[in-house]
All heavy atoms as atom14 arrays in JSON, in Angstrom:
{
  "sequence": "PDTRQLTLGAPGAVTPNAANPVGIDVSHYQGTINWTSVKSAGISFAY",
  "atom14_mask": [
    [1, 1, 1, 1, 1, 1, 1, 0, 0, 0, 0, 0, 0, 0],
    [1, 1, 1, 1, 1, 1, 1, 1, 0, 0, 0, 0, 0, 0],
    [1, 1, 1, 1, 1, 1, 1, 0, 0, 0, 0, 0, 0, 0],
    [1, 1, 1, 1, 1, 1, 1, 1, 1, 1, 1, 0, 0, 0],
    [1, 1, 1, 1, 1, 1, 1, 1, 1, 0, 0, 0, 0, 0],
    [1, 1, 1, 1, 1, 1, 1, 1, 0, 0, 0, 0, 0, 0],
    [1, 1, 1, 1, 1, 1, 1, 0, 0, 0, 0, 0, 0, 0],
    [1, 1, 1, 1, 1, 1, 1, 1, 0, 0, 0, 0, 0, 0],
    [1, 1, 1, 1, 0, 0, 0, 0, 0, 0, 0, 0, 0, 0],
    [1, 1, 1, 1, 1, 0, 0, 0, 0, 0, 0, 0, 0, 0],
    [1, 1, 1, 1, 1, 1, 1, 0, 0, 0, 0, 0, 0, 0],
    [1, 1, 1, 1, 0, 0, 0, 0, 0, 0, 0, 0, 0, 0],
    [1, 1, 1, 1, 1, 0, 0, 0, 0, 0, 0, 0, 0, 0],
    [1, 1, 1, 1, 1, 1, 1, 0, 0, 0, 0, 0, 0, 0],
    [1, 1, 1, 1, 1, 1, 1, 0, 0, 0, 0, 0, 0, 0],
    [1, 1, 1, 1, 1, 1, 1, 0, 0, 0, 0, 0, 0, 0],
    [1, 1, 1, 1, 1, 1, 1, 1, 0, 0, 0, 0, 0, 0],
    [1, 1, 1, 1, 1, 0, 0, 0, 0, 0, 0, 0, 0, 0],
    [1, 1, 1, 1, 1, 0, 0, 0, 0, 0, 0, 0, 0, 0],
    [1, 1, 1, 1, 1, 1, 1, 1, 0, 0, 0, 0, 0, 0],
    [1, 1, 1, 1, 1, 1, 1, 0, 0, 0, 0, 0, 0, 0],
    [1, 1, 1, 1, 1, 1, 1, 0, 0, 0, 0, 0, 0, 0],
    [1, 1, 1, 1, 0, 0, 0, 0, 0, 0, 0, 0, 0, 0],
    [1, 1, 1, 1, 1, 1, 1, 1, 0, 0, 0, 0, 0, 0],
    [1, 1, 1, 1, 1, 1, 1, 1, 0, 0, 0, 0, 0, 0],
    [1, 1, 1, 1, 1, 1, 1, 0, 0, 0, 0, 0, 0, 0],
    [1, 1, 1, 1, 1, 1, 0, 0, 0, 0, 0, 0, 0, 0],
    [1, 1, 1, 1, 1, 1, 1, 1, 1, 1, 0, 0, 0, 0],
    [1, 1, 1, 1, 1, 1, 1, 1, 1, 1, 1, 1, 0, 0],
    [1, 1, 1, 1, 1, 1, 1, 1, 1, 0, 0, 0, 0, 0],
    [1, 1, 1, 1, 0, 0, 0, 0, 0, 0, 0, 0, 0, 0],
    [1, 1, 1, 1, 1, 1, 1, 0, 0, 0, 0, 0, 0, 0],
    [1, 1, 1, 1, 1, 1, 1, 1, 0, 0, 0, 0, 0, 0],
    [1, 1, 1, 1, 1, 1, 1, 1, 0, 0, 0, 0, 0, 0],
    [1, 1, 1, 1, 1, 1, 1, 1, 1, 1, 1, 1, 1, 1],
    [1, 1, 1, 1, 1, 1, 1, 0, 0, 0, 0, 0, 0, 0],
    [1, 1, 1, 1, 1, 1, 0, 0, 0, 0, 0, 0, 0, 0],
    [1, 1, 1, 1, 1, 1, 1, 0, 0, 0, 0, 0, 0, 0],
    [1, 1, 1, 1, 1, 1, 1, 1, 1, 0, 0, 0, 0, 0],
    [1, 1, 1, 1, 1, 1, 0, 0, 0, 0, 0, 0, 0, 0],
    [1, 1, 1, 1, 1, 0, 0, 0, 0, 0, 0, 0, 0, 0],
    [1, 1, 1, 1, 0, 0, 0, 0, 0, 0, 0, 0, 0, 0],
    [1, 1, 1, 1, 1, 1, 1, 1, 0, 0, 0, 0, 0, 0],
    [1, 1, 1, 1, 1, 1, 0, 0, 0, 0, 0, 0, 0, 0],
    [1, 1, 1, 1, 1, 1, 1, 1, 1, 1, 1, 0, 0, 0],
    [1, 1, 1, 1, 1, 0, 0, 0, 0, 0, 0, 0, 0, 0],
    [1, 1, 1, 1, 1, 1, 1, 1, 1, 1, 1, 1, 0, 0]
  ],
  "atom14_positions": [
    [[0.81, -1.22, 0.0], [0.0, 0.0, 0.0], [0.84, 1.27, 0.0], [1.99, 1.27, 0.43], [-0.78, -0.11, 1.31], [0.12, -0.89, 2.2], [0.82, -1.87, 1.3], [0.0, 0.0, 0.0], [0.0, 0.0, 0.0], [0.0, 0.0, 0.0], [0.0, 0.0, 0.0], [0.0, 0.0, 0.0], [0.0, 0.0, 0.0], [0.0, 0.0, 0.0]],
    [[0.24, 2.33, -0.49], [0.81, 3.67, -0.36], [0.33, 4.2, 0.98], [-0.87, 4.25, 1.24], [0.31, 4.54, -1.5], [0.78, 5.99, -1.41], [1.51, 6.31, -0.47], [0.39, 6.78, -2.27], [0.0, 0.0, 0.0], [0.0, 0.0, 0.0], [0.0, 0.0, 0.0], [0.0, 0.0, 0.0], [0.0, 0.0, 0.0], [0.0, 0.0, 0.0]],
    [[1.23, 4.59, 1.84], [0.85, 4.95, 3.2], [0.64, 6.45, 3.4], [0.44, 6.9, 4.51], [1.94, 4.49, 4.19], [3.2, 5.09, 3.83], [2.07, 2.98, 4.18], [0.0, 0.0, 0.0], [0.0, 0.0, 0.0], [0.0, 0.0, 0.0], [0.0, 0.0, 0.0], [0.0, 0.0, 0.0], [0.0, 0.0, 0.0], [0.0, 0.0, 0.0]],
    [[0.66, 7.25, 2.3], [0.38, 8.67, 2.47], [-1.03, 8.87, 3.01], [-1.94, 8.18, 2.64], [0.51, 9.41, 1.12], [1.92, 9.51, 0.6], [1.96, 10.29, -0.69], [1.08, 9.67, -1.69], [0.35, 10.36, -2.54], [0.35, 11.67, -2.52], [-0.41, 9.74, -3.44], [0.0, 0.0, 0.0], [0.0, 0.0, 0.0], [0.0, 0.0, 0.0]],
    [[-1.2, 9.86, 3.87], [-2.5, 10.18, 4.44], [-2.82, 11.64, 4.2], [-1.93, 12.5, 4.26], [-2.49, 9.93, 5.96], [-2.29, 8.49, 6.35], [-3.6, 7.72, 6.33], [-4.67, 8.3, 6.44], [-3.52, 6.42, 6.19], [0.0, 0.0, 0.0], [0.0, 0.0, 0.0], [0.0, 0.0, 0.0], [0.0, 0.0, 0.0], [0.0, 0.0, 0.0]],
    [[-4.09, 11.94, 3.92], [-4.53, 13.32, 3.96], [-4.58, 13.77, 5.41], [-4.97, 13.02, 6.29], [-5.93, 13.45, 3.36], [-6.05, 13.45, 1.84], [-7.52, 13.58, 1.45], [-5.27, 14.59, 1.22], [0.0, 0.0, 0.0], [0.0, 0.0, 0.0], [0.0, 0.0, 0.0], [0.0, 0.0, 0.0], [0.0, 0.0, 0.0], [0.0, 0.0, 0.0]],
    [[-4.22, 15.02, 5.67], [-4.33, 15.56, 7.0], [-5.61, 16.36, 7.1], [-6.16, 16.83, 6.1], [-3.14, 16.48, 7.32], [-3.06, 17.5, 6.33], [-1.84, 15.69, 7.3], [0.0, 0.0, 0.0], [0.0, 0.0, 0.0], [0.0, 0.0, 0.0], [0.0, 0.0, 0.0], [0.0, 0.0, 0.0], [0.0, 0.0, 0.0], [0.0, 0.0, 0.0]],
    [[-6.12, 16.52, 8.31], [-7.33, 17.3, 8.5], [-7.12, 18.71, 7.97], [-6.1, 19.35, 8.23], [-7.7, 17.34, 9.98], [-8.2, 16.03, 10.58], [-8.43, 16.18, 12.07], [-9.47, 15.59, 9.89], [0.0, 0.0, 0.0], [0.0, 0.0, 0.0], [0.0, 0.0, 0.0], [0.0, 0.0, 0.0], [0.0, 0.0, 0.0], [0.0, 0.0, 0.0]],
    [[-8.09, 19.18, 7.23], [-7.99, 20.5, 6.63], [-7.49, 20.45, 5.2], [-7.6, 21.43, 4.47], [0.0, 0.0, 0.0], [0.0, 0.0, 0.0], [0.0, 0.0, 0.0], [0.0, 0.0, 0.0], [0.0, 0.0, 0.0], [0.0, 0.0, 0.0], [0.0, 0.0, 0.0], [0.0, 0.0, 0.0], [0.0, 0.0, 0.0], [0.0, 0.0, 0.0]],
    [[-6.93, 19.33, 4.78], [-6.49, 19.19, 3.39], [-7.71, 18.97, 2.51], [-8.78, 18.63, 2.99], [-5.53, 18.01, 3.27], [0.0, 0.0, 0.0], [0.0, 0.0, 0.0], [0.0, 0.0, 0.0], [0.0, 0.0, 0.0], [0.0, 0.0, 0.0], [0.0, 0.0, 0.0], [0.0, 0.0, 0.0], [0.0, 0.0, 0.0], [0.0, 0.0, 0.0]],
    [[-7.58, 19.17, 1.18], [-8.72, 18.95, 0.29], [-9.29, 17.55, 0.47], [-8.56, 16.56, 0.43], [-8.1, 19.13, -1.11], [-6.91, 20.0, -0.89], [-6.37, 19.61, 0.46], [0.0, 0.0, 0.0], [0.0, 0.0, 0.0], [0.0, 0.0, 0.0], [0.0, 0.0, 0.0], [0.0, 0.0, 0.0], [0.0, 0.0, 0.0], [0.0, 0.0, 0.0]],
    [[-10.58, 17.48, 0.7], [-11.23, 16.18, 0.82], [-11.27, 15.61, 2.23], [-11.82, 14.54, 2.42], [0.0, 0.0, 0.0], [0.0, 0.0, 0.0], [0.0, 0.0, 0.0], [0.0, 0.0, 0.0], [0.0, 0.0, 0.0], [0.0, 0.0, 0.0], [0.0, 0.0, 0.0], [0.0, 0.0, 0.0], [0.0, 0.0, 0.0], [0.0, 0.0, 0.0]],
    [[-10.71, 16.28, 3.21], [-10.73, 15.73, 4.55], [-12.16, 15.71, 5.1], [-12.92, 16.64, 4.9], [-9.84, 16.54, 5.48], [0.0, 0.0, 0.0], [0.0, 0.0, 0.0], [0.0, 0.0, 0.0], [0.0, 0.0, 0.0], [0.0, 0.0, 0.0], [0.0, 0.0, 0.0], [0.0, 0.0, 0.0], [0.0, 0.0, 0.0], [0.0, 0.0, 0.0]],
    [[-12.51, 14.64, 5.8], [-13.86, 14.5, 6.34], [-13.93, 15.07, 7.74], [-13.05, 14.86, 8.57], [-14.26, 13.0, 6.38], [-15.46, 12.8, 7.3], [-14.6, 12.52, 4.98], [0.0, 0.0, 0.0], [0.0, 0.0, 0.0], [0.0, 0.0, 0.0], [0.0, 0.0, 0.0], [0.0, 0.0, 0.0], [0.0, 0.0, 0.0], [0.0, 0.0, 0.0]],
    [[-14.97, 15.83, 8.0], [-15.29, 16.23, 9.36], [-16.67, 15.67, 9.68], [-17.53, 15.59, 8.8], [-15.31, 17.77, 9.51], [-16.18, 18.32, 8.51], [-13.92, 18.34, 9.32], [0.0, 0.0, 0.0], [0.0, 0.0, 0.0], [0.0, 0.0, 0.0], [0.0, 0.0, 0.0], [0.0, 0.0, 0.0], [0.0, 0.0, 0.0], [0.0, 0.0, 0.0]],
    [[-16.89, 15.26, 10.91], [-18.14, 14.56, 11.24], [-19.32, 15.52, 11.41], [-19.79, 15.77, 12.52], [-17.79, 13.85, 12.55], [-16.77, 14.74, 13.17], [-15.97, 15.3, 12.04], [0.0, 0.0, 0.0], [0.0, 0.0, 0.0], [0.0, 0.0, 0.0], [0.0, 0.0, 0.0], [0.0, 0.0, 0.0], [0.0, 0.0, 0.0], [0.0, 0.0, 0.0]],
    [[-19.77, 16.13, 10.31], [-20.93, 16.99, 10.39], [-21.73, 16.9, 9.1], [-21.34, 16.23, 8.15], [-20.51, 18.45, 10.67], [-19.57, 18.98, 9.61], [-19.83, 18.85, 8.42], [-18.48, 19.59, 10.05], [0.0, 0.0, 0.0], [0.0, 0.0, 0.0], [0.0, 0.0, 0.0], [0.0, 0.0, 0.0], [0.0, 0.0, 0.0], [0.0, 0.0, 0.0]],
    [[-22.88, 17.57, 9.08], [-23.81, 17.45, 7.96], [-23.28, 18.09, 6.69], [-23.89, 17.96, 5.64], [-25.14, 18.07, 8.34], [0.0, 0.0, 0.0], [0.0, 0.0, 0.0], [0.0, 0.0, 0.0], [0.0, 0.0, 0.0], [0.0, 0.0, 0.0], [0.0, 0.0, 0.0], [0.0, 0.0, 0.0], [0.0, 0.0, 0.0], [0.0, 0.0, 0.0]],
    [[-22.16, 18.79, 6.76], [-21.6, 19.42, 5.57], [-21.05, 18.4, 4.59], [-20.83, 18.73, 3.42], [-20.51, 20.41, 5.96], [0.0, 0.0, 0.0], [0.0, 0.0, 0.0], [0.0, 0.0, 0.0], [0.0, 0.0, 0.0], [0.0, 0.0, 0.0], [0.0, 0.0, 0.0], [0.0, 0.0, 0.0], [0.0, 0.0, 0.0], [0.0, 0.0, 0.0]],
    [[-20.78, 17.2, 5.04], [-20.27, 16.14, 4.17], [-21.35, 15.08, 3.97], [-21.53, 14.21, 4.83], [-19.01, 15.51, 4.77], [-17.87, 16.51, 4.91], [-17.59, 16.98, 6.0], [-17.24, 16.83, 3.8], [0.0, 0.0, 0.0], [0.0, 0.0, 0.0], [0.0, 0.0, 0.0], [0.0, 0.0, 0.0], [0.0, 0.0, 0.0], [0.0, 0.0, 0.0]],
    [[-22.07, 15.13, 2.86], [-23.15, 14.16, 2.63], [-22.64, 12.73, 2.7], [-21.5, 12.44, 2.32], [-23.63, 14.51, 1.23], [-23.24, 15.94, 1.02], [-21.95, 16.1, 1.76], [0.0, 0.0, 0.0], [0.0, 0.0, 0.0], [0.0, 0.0, 0.0], [0.0, 0.0, 0.0], [0.0, 0.0, 0.0], [0.0, 0.0, 0.0], [0.0, 0.0, 0.0]],
    [[-23.5, 11.84, 3.16], [-23.14, 10.42, 3.26], [-23.93, 9.63, 2.23], [-25.03, 10.01, 1.81], [-23.39, 9.88, 4.68], [-22.46, 10.54, 5.67], [-24.85, 10.06, 5.09], [0.0, 0.0, 0.0], [0.0, 0.0, 0.0], [0.0, 0.0, 0.0], [0.0, 0.0, 0.0], [0.0, 0.0, 0.0], [0.0, 0.0, 0.0], [0.0, 0.0, 0.0]],
    [[-23.34, 8.49, 1.81], [-23.97, 7.69, 0.78], [-23.71, 6.21, 0.96], [-23.1, 5.77, 1.94], [0.0, 0.0, 0.0], [0.0, 0.0, 0.0], [0.0, 0.0, 0.0], [0.0, 0.0, 0.0], [0.0, 0.0, 0.0], [0.0, 0.0, 0.0], [0.0, 0.0, 0.0], [0.0, 0.0, 0.0], [0.0, 0.0, 0.0], [0.0, 0.0, 0.0]],
    [[-24.16, 5.45, -0.02], [-23.99, 4.0, -0.05], [-23.66, 3.58, -1.47], [-23.81, 4.35, -2.41], [-25.28, 3.27, 0.41], [-26.48, 3.69, -0.44], [-25.54, 3.52, 1.88], [-27.76, 2.94, -0.14], [0.0, 0.0, 0.0], [0.0, 0.0, 0.0], [0.0, 0.0, 0.0], [0.0, 0.0, 0.0], [0.0, 0.0, 0.0], [0.0, 0.0, 0.0]],
    [[-23.19, 2.35, -1.63], [-23.11, 1.73, -2.95], [-23.71, 0.34, -2.86], [-23.53, -0.37, -1.86], [-21.7, 1.72, -3.51], [-20.68, 1.1, -2.57], [-20.57, -0.15, -2.58], [-19.99, 1.83, -1.85], [0.0, 0.0, 0.0], [0.0, 0.0, 0.0], [0.0, 0.0, 0.0], [0.0, 0.0, 0.0], [0.0, 0.0, 0.0], [0.0, 0.0, 0.0]],
    [[-24.46, -0.04, -3.89], [-25.26, -1.27, -3.82], [-25.22, -2.02, -5.15], [-24.89, -1.47, -6.2], [-26.73, -0.96, -3.46], [-26.83, -0.28, -2.11], [-27.4, -0.11, -4.54], [0.0, 0.0, 0.0], [0.0, 0.0, 0.0], [0.0, 0.0, 0.0], [0.0, 0.0, 0.0], [0.0, 0.0, 0.0], [0.0, 0.0, 0.0], [0.0, 0.0, 0.0]],
    [[-25.58, -3.29, -5.06], [-25.75, -4.15, -6.24], [-26.85, -5.14, -5.9], [-27.55, -4.98, -4.89], [-24.44, -4.88, -6.57], [-24.15, -5.85, -5.57], [0.0, 0.0, 0.0], [0.0, 0.0, 0.0], [0.0, 0.0, 0.0], [0.0, 0.0, 0.0], [0.0, 0.0, 0.0], [0.0, 0.0, 0.0], [0.0, 0.0, 0.0], [0.0, 0.0, 0.0]],
    [[-26.98, -6.2, -6.7], [-28.04, -7.18, -6.43], [-27.83, -7.92, -5.11], [-28.77, -8.53, -4.59], [-28.16, -8.18, -7.59], [-26.97, -9.08, -7.76], [-25.85, -8.71, -8.48], [-26.73, -10.33, -7.32], [-24.99, -9.71, -8.47], [-25.49, -10.71, -7.78], [0.0, 0.0, 0.0], [0.0, 0.0, 0.0], [0.0, 0.0, 0.0], [0.0, 0.0, 0.0]],
    [[-26.62, -7.87, -4.55], [-26.38, -8.55, -3.27], [-27.19, -7.93, -2.13], [-27.4, -8.57, -1.11], [-24.89, -8.52, -2.94], [-24.07, -9.37, -3.85], [-23.07, -8.82, -4.66], [-24.29, -10.75, -3.95], [-22.32, -9.6, -5.51], [-23.54, -11.54, -4.8], [-22.56, -10.96, -5.59], [-21.83, -11.73, -6.43], [0.0, 0.0, 0.0], [0.0, 0.0, 0.0]],
    [[-27.64, -6.68, -2.3], [-28.45, -6.05, -1.26], [-29.93, -6.44, -1.37], [-30.72, -6.08, -0.5], [-28.32, -4.52, -1.32], [-27.15, -3.96, -0.52], [-25.81, -4.39, -1.06], [-25.52, -4.26, -2.25], [-24.96, -4.92, -0.19], [0.0, 0.0, 0.0], [0.0, 0.0, 0.0], [0.0, 0.0, 0.0], [0.0, 0.0, 0.0], [0.0, 0.0, 0.0]],
    [[-30.31, -7.14, -2.41], [-31.7, -7.54, -2.56], [-32.61, -6.35, -2.81], [-32.19, -5.32, -3.37], [0.0, 0.0, 0.0], [0.0, 0.0, 0.0], [0.0, 0.0, 0.0], [0.0, 0.0, 0.0], [0.0, 0.0, 0.0], [0.0, 0.0, 0.0], [0.0, 0.0, 0.0], [0.0, 0.0, 0.0], [0.0, 0.0, 0.0], [0.0, 0.0, 0.0]],
    [[-33.86, -6.47, -2.39], [-34.83, -5.4, -2.58], [-34.58, -4.29, -1.57], [-34.45, -4.55, -0.37], [-36.26, -5.93, -2.42], [-36.48, -6.96, -3.4], [-37.28, -4.82, -2.63], [0.0, 0.0, 0.0], [0.0, 0.0, 0.0], [0.0, 0.0, 0.0], [0.0, 0.0, 0.0], [0.0, 0.0, 0.0], [0.0, 0.0, 0.0], [0.0, 0.0, 0.0]],
    [[-34.51, -3.06, -2.06], [-34.19, -1.9, -1.22], [-35.39, -0.97, -1.14], [-36.03, -0.67, -2.15], [-32.98, -1.14, -1.79], [-31.72, -2.03, -1.74], [-32.73, 0.17, -1.02], [-30.52, -1.42, -2.43], [0.0, 0.0, 0.0], [0.0, 0.0, 0.0], [0.0, 0.0, 0.0], [0.0, 0.0, 0.0], [0.0, 0.0, 0.0], [0.0, 0.0, 0.0]],
    [[-35.69, -0.49, 0.06], [-36.72, 0.52, 0.26], [-36.04, 1.89, 0.22], [-35.49, 2.34, 1.22], [-37.44, 0.31, 1.6], [-38.59, 1.29, 1.8], [-38.54, 2.44, 1.39], [-39.64, 0.81, 2.47], [0.0, 0.0, 0.0], [0.0, 0.0, 0.0], [0.0, 0.0, 0.0], [0.0, 0.0, 0.0], [0.0, 0.0, 0.0], [0.0, 0.0, 0.0]],
    [[-36.06, 2.51, -0.93], [-35.3, 3.75, -1.12], [-35.91, 4.93, -0.35], [-35.19, 5.86, 0.02], [-35.16, 4.05, -2.6], [-34.15, 3.16, -3.25], [-34.39, 2.02, -3.95], [-32.73, 3.32, -3.22], [-33.21, 1.45, -4.37], [-32.17, 2.23, -3.94], [-31.88, 4.27, -2.67], [-30.8, 2.07, -4.11], [-30.5, 4.12, -2.84], [-29.98, 3.03, -3.55]],
    [[-37.2, 4.9, -0.09], [-37.79, 5.95, 0.73], [-37.22, 5.91, 2.14], [-36.89, 6.95, 2.73], [-39.32, 5.81, 0.77], [-39.84, 5.9, -0.56], [-39.95, 6.89, 1.63], [0.0, 0.0, 0.0], [0.0, 0.0, 0.0], [0.0, 0.0, 0.0], [0.0, 0.0, 0.0], [0.0, 0.0, 0.0], [0.0, 0.0, 0.0], [0.0, 0.0, 0.0]],
    [[-37.06, 4.7, 2.68], [-36.46, 4.56, 4.01], [-34.99, 4.95, 3.99], [-34.48, 5.55, 4.94], [-36.61, 3.12, 4.5], [-37.96, 2.79, 4.72], [0.0, 0.0, 0.0], [0.0, 0.0, 0.0], [0.0, 0.0, 0.0], [0.0, 0.0, 0.0], [0.0, 0.0, 0.0], [0.0, 0.0, 0.0], [0.0, 0.0, 0.0], [0.0, 0.0, 0.0]],
    [[-34.29, 4.6, 2.9], [-32.88, 4.97, 2.76], [-32.73, 6.49, 2.8], [-31.88, 7.04, 3.5], [-32.31, 4.39, 1.45], [-30.94, 5.01, 1.13], [-32.19, 2.88, 1.54], [0.0, 0.0, 0.0], [0.0, 0.0, 0.0], [0.0, 0.0, 0.0], [0.0, 0.0, 0.0], [0.0, 0.0, 0.0], [0.0, 0.0, 0.0], [0.0, 0.0, 0.0]],
    [[-33.58, 7.19, 2.05], [-33.54, 8.65, 2.05], [-33.85, 9.21, 3.42], [-33.17, 10.13, 3.9], [-34.53, 9.18, 1.01], [-34.64, 10.7, 0.96], [-33.36, 11.35, 0.45], [-33.56, 12.84, 0.26], [-32.32, 13.5, -0.26], [0.0, 0.0, 0.0], [0.0, 0.0, 0.0], [0.0, 0.0, 0.0], [0.0, 0.0, 0.0], [0.0, 0.0, 0.0]],
    [[-34.86, 8.66, 4.08], [-35.25, 9.13, 5.42], [-34.14, 8.9, 6.44], [-34.06, 9.61, 7.45], [-36.53, 8.43, 5.88], [-37.61, 8.76, 5.04], [0.0, 0.0, 0.0], [0.0, 0.0, 0.0], [0.0, 0.0, 0.0], [0.0, 0.0, 0.0], [0.0, 0.0, 0.0], [0.0, 0.0, 0.0], [0.0, 0.0, 0.0], [0.0, 0.0, 0.0]],
    [[-33.27, 7.9, 6.19], [-32.16, 7.6, 7.09], [-31.01, 8.59, 6.93], [-30.01, 8.49, 7.64], [-31.66, 6.18, 6.86], [0.0, 0.0, 0.0], [0.0, 0.0, 0.0], [0.0, 0.0, 0.0], [0.0, 0.0, 0.0], [0.0, 0.0, 0.0], [0.0, 0.0, 0.0], [0.0, 0.0, 0.0], [0.0, 0.0, 0.0], [0.0, 0.0, 0.0]],
    [[-31.13, 9.52, 6.0], [-30.1, 10.55, 5.84], [-29.13, 10.3, 4.72], [-28.13, 11.02, 4.58], [0.0, 0.0, 0.0], [0.0, 0.0, 0.0], [0.0, 0.0, 0.0], [0.0, 0.0, 0.0], [0.0, 0.0, 0.0], [0.0, 0.0, 0.0], [0.0, 0.0, 0.0], [0.0, 0.0, 0.0], [0.0, 0.0, 0.0], [0.0, 0.0, 0.0]],
    [[-29.39, 9.29, 3.9], [-28.5, 9.0, 2.77], [-28.77, 9.99, 1.64], [-29.91, 10.1, 1.16], [-28.69, 7.56, 2.27], [-28.32, 6.57, 3.39], [-27.89, 7.29, 1.01], [-26.88, 6.67, 3.86], [0.0, 0.0, 0.0], [0.0, 0.0, 0.0], [0.0, 0.0, 0.0], [0.0, 0.0, 0.0], [0.0, 0.0, 0.0], [0.0, 0.0, 0.0]],
    [[-27.73, 10.68, 1.21], [-27.87, 11.71, 0.18], [-27.59, 11.19, -1.22], [-28.14, 11.7, -2.2], [-26.92, 12.88, 0.46], [-27.23, 13.52, 1.67], [0.0, 0.0, 0.0], [0.0, 0.0, 0.0], [0.0, 0.0, 0.0], [0.0, 0.0, 0.0], [0.0, 0.0, 0.0], [0.0, 0.0, 0.0], [0.0, 0.0, 0.0], [0.0, 0.0, 0.0]],
    [[-26.68, 10.18, -1.32], [-26.29, 9.71, -2.65], [-26.02, 8.22, -2.64], [-25.82, 7.61, -1.58], [-25.05, 10.47, -3.15], [-23.79, 10.18, -2.38], [-22.94, 9.16, -2.75], [-23.45, 10.95, -1.27], [-21.78, 8.89, -2.04], [-22.29, 10.7, -0.55], [-21.45, 9.66, -0.94], [0.0, 0.0, 0.0], [0.0, 0.0, 0.0], [0.0, 0.0, 0.0]],
    [[-26.01, 7.64, -3.83], [-25.75, 6.21, -3.96], [-25.12, 5.93, -5.32], [-25.44, 6.58, -6.32], [-27.04, 5.41, -3.84], [0.0, 0.0, 0.0], [0.0, 0.0, 0.0], [0.0, 0.0, 0.0], [0.0, 0.0, 0.0], [0.0, 0.0, 0.0], [0.0, 0.0, 0.0], [0.0, 0.0, 0.0], [0.0, 0.0, 0.0], [0.0, 0.0, 0.0]],
    [[-24.2, 4.97, -5.33], [-23.73, 4.4, -6.59], [-24.3, 2.98, -6.7], [-24.24, 2.2, -5.75], [-22.2, 4.41, -6.68], [-21.71, 5.64, -7.42], [-21.14, 6.71, -6.74], [-21.83, 5.74, -8.81], [-20.71, 7.84, -7.41], [-21.4, 6.86, -9.49], [-20.84, 7.92, -8.79], [-20.43, 9.04, -9.47], [0.0, 0.0, 0.0], [0.0, 0.0, 0.0]]
  ]
}
């Protein structure tokens, strides 16, 4: 592995607040998904 790390404050660094939308990625392994519940759970995006 490449062991370089982004430091806090660098481009792309995550802070634990609502300013950084959260998401999921899914395929057929997740089966049937209730997307209304997913949205209500705070998920902003999905691949």
